[in-house]
Amino acid sequence: MEDRKNYSRKAMLSLKISEFEMPPMQDLLIIGRRAPIGPEAVRRMAEALSPDQFSVVRTDHPKIEAVLIRTSLLQMLDESVLMDVIVQEAEGSSTKRWCFARS
């Protein structure tokens, strides 16, 4: 019985802590063809953070794979008009790997 009072335990605890890496987004997020995070992952991230507020619009553009857009913007403007404006604005400052947020 005396041995139980002096019993001790050791444990090793290993933790990996990393910065939460999420691109800032307010109204839209442009996803490049070779971006490290794809449209489906971006859609799931937006759904987790702001349910039912964003939609993913895929494109045939050579550098832009998709755009995550606040749904209220799609209700204000025609989707094709909005996408034309976004693509024109993004083409000047793009690479194939970017994710680009615009508010």
C-alpha atoms as a PDB file:
ATOM      1  CA  MET A   1       0.000   0.000   0.000  1.00  0.00           C
ATOM      2  CA  GLU A   2       2.880   2.333   0.745  1.00  0.00           C
ATOM      3  CA  ASP A   3       4.202   1.955  -2.854  1.00  0.00           C
ATOM      4  CA  ARG A   4       1.012   3.452  -4.365  1.00  0.00           C
ATOM      5  CA  LYS A   5       1.585   6.786  -2.614  1.00  0.00           C
ATOM      6  CA  ASN A   6       5.003   7.188  -4.252  1.00  0.00           C
ATOM      7  CA  TYR A   7       3.874   6.199  -7.713  1.00  0.00           C
ATOM      8  CA  SER A   8       4.666   8.688 -10.462  1.00  0.00           C
ATOM      9  CA  ARG A   9       3.965   8.760 -14.185  1.00  0.00           C
ATOM     10  CA  LYS A  10       5.823  10.322 -17.036  1.00  0.00           C
ATOM     11  CA  ALA A  11       4.368  11.194 -20.375  1.00  0.00           C
ATOM     12  CA  MET A  12       5.721  12.788 -23.509  1.00  0.00           C
ATOM     13  CA  LEU A  13       3.529  15.239 -25.264  1.00  0.00           C
ATOM     14  CA  SER A  14       4.237  16.320 -28.810  1.00  0.00           C
ATOM     15  CA  LEU A  15       2.403  19.276 -30.294  1.00  0.00           C
ATOM     16  CA  LYS A  16       2.538  20.802 -33.716  1.00  0.00           C
ATOM     17  CA  ILE A  17       1.225  24.326 -33.874  1.00  0.00           C
ATOM     18  CA  SER A  18       0.921  26.197 -37.119  1.00  0.00           C
ATOM     19  CA  GLU A  19      -0.540  29.477 -38.161  1.00  0.00           C
ATOM     20  CA  PHE A  20      -4.076  29.286 -39.479  1.00  0.00           C
ATOM     21  CA  GLU A  21      -3.507  30.091 -43.089  1.00  0.00           C
ATOM     22  CA  MET A  22      -6.568  31.435 -44.691  1.00  0.00           C
ATOM     23  CA  PRO A  23      -6.565  34.073 -47.331  1.00  0.00           C
ATOM     24  CA  PRO A  24      -8.466  37.152 -46.277  1.00  0.00           C
ATOM     25  CA  MET A  25     -11.713  37.438 -48.127  1.00  0.00           C
ATOM     26  CA  GLN A  26     -14.529  39.872 -48.001  1.00  0.00           C
ATOM     27  CA  ASP A  27     -16.480  39.884 -51.254  1.00  0.00           C
ATOM     28  CA  LEU A  28     -14.542  37.592 -53.558  1.00  0.00           C
ATOM     29  CA  LEU A  29     -11.513  35.380 -53.847  1.00  0.00           C
ATOM     30  CA  ILE A  30      -9.884  34.582 -57.185  1.00  0.00           C
ATOM     31  CA  ILE A  31      -8.379  31.113 -57.372  1.00  0.00           C
ATOM     32  CA  GLY A  32      -5.556  30.597 -59.867  1.00  0.00           C
ATOM     33  CA  ARG A  33      -5.103  27.430 -61.929  1.00  0.00           C
ATOM     34  CA  ARG A  34      -2.095  26.334 -59.882  1.00  0.00           C
ATOM     35  CA  ALA A  35      -3.055  27.844 -56.535  1.00  0.00           C
ATOM     36  CA  PRO A  36      -2.117  25.769 -53.466  1.00  0.00           C
ATOM     37  CA  ILE A  37      -5.782  25.622 -52.451  1.00  0.00           C
ATOM     38  CA  GLY A  38      -8.398  24.598 -55.002  1.00  0.00           C
ATOM     39  CA  PRO A  39     -11.985  25.731 -55.549  1.00  0.00           C
ATOM     40  CA  GLU A  40     -13.558  22.889 -53.568  1.00  0.00           C
ATOM     41  CA  ALA A  41     -11.350  23.513 -50.540  1.00  0.00           C
ATOM     42  CA  VAL A  42     -12.058  27.244 -50.757  1.00  0.00           C
ATOM     43  CA  ARG A  43     -15.788  26.535 -50.962  1.00  0.00           C
ATOM     44  CA  ARG A  44     -15.629  24.312 -47.859  1.00  0.00           C
ATOM     45  CA  MET A  45     -13.585  26.940 -45.989  1.00  0.00           C
ATOM     46  CA  ALA A  46     -16.094  29.665 -46.842  1.00  0.00           C
ATOM     47  CA  GLU A  47     -19.009  27.414 -45.914  1.00  0.00           C
ATOM     48  CA  ALA A  48     -17.429  26.680 -42.538  1.00  0.00           C
ATOM     49  CA  LEU A  49     -16.778  30.347 -41.805  1.00  0.00           C
ATOM     50  CA  SER A  50     -19.829  31.956 -43.414  1.00  0.00           C
ATOM     51  CA  PRO A  51     -22.530  29.415 -44.249  1.00  0.00           C
ATOM     52  CA  ASP A  52     -24.653  30.128 -47.340  1.00  0.00           C
ATOM     53  CA  GLN A  53     -22.918  33.445 -48.108  1.00  0.00           C
ATOM     54  CA  PHE A  54     -20.499  32.492 -50.910  1.00  0.00           C
ATOM     55  CA  SER A  55     -20.671  30.653 -54.234  1.00  0.00           C
ATOM     56  CA  VAL A  56     -17.897  29.260 -56.415  1.00  0.00           C
ATOM     57  CA  VAL A  57     -18.017  30.198 -60.094  1.00  0.00           C
ATOM     58  CA  ARG A  58     -15.666  28.169 -62.299  1.00  0.00           C
ATOM     59  CA  THR A  59     -14.102  29.739 -65.388  1.00  0.00           C
ATOM     60  CA  ASP A  60     -12.473  28.651 -68.645  1.00  0.00           C
ATOM     61  CA  HIS A  61      -9.797  31.337 -68.240  1.00  0.00           C
ATOM     62  CA  PRO A  62      -6.196  30.071 -68.723  1.00  0.00           C
ATOM     63  CA  LYS A  63      -4.999  31.521 -65.391  1.00  0.00           C
ATOM     64  CA  ILE A  64      -8.172  31.715 -63.287  1.00  0.00           C
ATOM     65  CA  GLU A  65      -9.731  28.425 -62.255  1.00  0.00           C
ATOM     66  CA  ALA A  66     -12.600  29.809 -60.223  1.00  0.00           C
ATOM     67  CA  VAL A  67     -13.844  32.758 -58.221  1.00  0.00           C
ATOM     68  CA  LEU A  68     -15.443  32.573 -54.799  1.00  0.00           C
ATOM     69  CA  ILE A  69     -18.053  35.339 -54.784  1.00  0.00           C
ATOM     70  CA  ARG A  70     -20.364  36.660 -52.115  1.00  0.00           C
ATOM     71  CA  THR A  71     -23.816  35.464 -53.151  1.00  0.00           C
ATOM     72  CA  SER A  72     -25.343  38.910 -52.627  1.00  0.00           C
ATOM     73  CA  LEU A  73     -23.098  40.267 -55.420  1.00  0.00           C
ATOM     74  CA  LEU A  74     -24.451  37.631 -57.787  1.00  0.00           C
ATOM     75  CA  GLN A  75     -27.953  38.785 -56.909  1.00  0.00           C
ATOM     76  CA  MET A  76     -27.087  42.407 -57.769  1.00  0.00           C
ATOM     77  CA  LEU A  77     -25.319  41.804 -61.095  1.00  0.00           C
ATOM     78  CA  ASP A  78     -25.543  39.287 -63.879  1.00  0.00           C
ATOM     79  CA  GLU A  79     -22.947  36.555 -63.317  1.00  0.00           C
ATOM     80  CA  SER A  80     -21.322  36.948 -66.756  1.00  0.00           C
ATOM     81  CA  VAL A  81     -21.017  40.734 -66.362  1.00  0.00           C
ATOM     82  CA  LEU A  82     -19.512  40.381 -62.905  1.00  0.00           C
ATOM     83  CA  MET A  83     -17.066  37.682 -64.046  1.00  0.00           C
ATOM     84  CA  ASP A  84     -15.941  39.824 -67.011  1.00  0.00           C
ATOM     85  CA  VAL A  85     -15.129  42.718 -64.665  1.00  0.00           C
ATOM     86  CA  ILE A  86     -13.303  40.459 -62.210  1.00  0.00           C
ATOM     87  CA  VAL A  87     -11.246  38.763 -64.923  1.00  0.00           C
ATOM     88  CA  GLN A  88     -10.278  42.100 -66.515  1.00  0.00           C
ATOM     89  CA  GLU A  89      -9.159  43.470 -63.141  1.00  0.00           C
ATOM     90  CA  ALA A  90      -7.229  40.326 -62.251  1.00  0.00           C
ATOM     91  CA  GLU A  91      -5.458  39.746 -65.557  1.00  0.00           C
ATOM     92  CA  GLY A  92      -2.995  42.565 -65.037  1.00  0.00           C
ATOM     93  CA  SER A  93      -1.641  41.312 -61.738  1.00  0.00           C
ATOM     94  CA  SER A  94      -1.852  37.568 -62.028  1.00  0.00           C
ATOM     95  CA  THR A  95       0.395  34.582 -61.917  1.00  0.00           C
ATOM     96  CA  LYS A  96      -0.799  31.003 -62.247  1.00  0.00           C
ATOM     97  CA  ARG A  97      -0.373  30.285 -58.532  1.00  0.00           C
ATOM     98  CA  TRP A  98      -2.216  33.121 -56.829  1.00  0.00           C
ATOM     99  CA  CYS A  99      -5.233  33.343 -54.694  1.00  0.00           C
ATOM    100  CA  PHE A 100      -6.331  36.945 -54.806  1.00  0.00           C
ATOM    101  CA  ALA A 101      -8.880  38.543 -52.540  1.00  0.00           C
ATOM    102  CA  ARG A 102     -10.748  41.705 -53.399  1.00  0.00           C
ATOM    103  CA  SER A 103     -13.289  43.600 -51.410  1.00  0.00           C
END
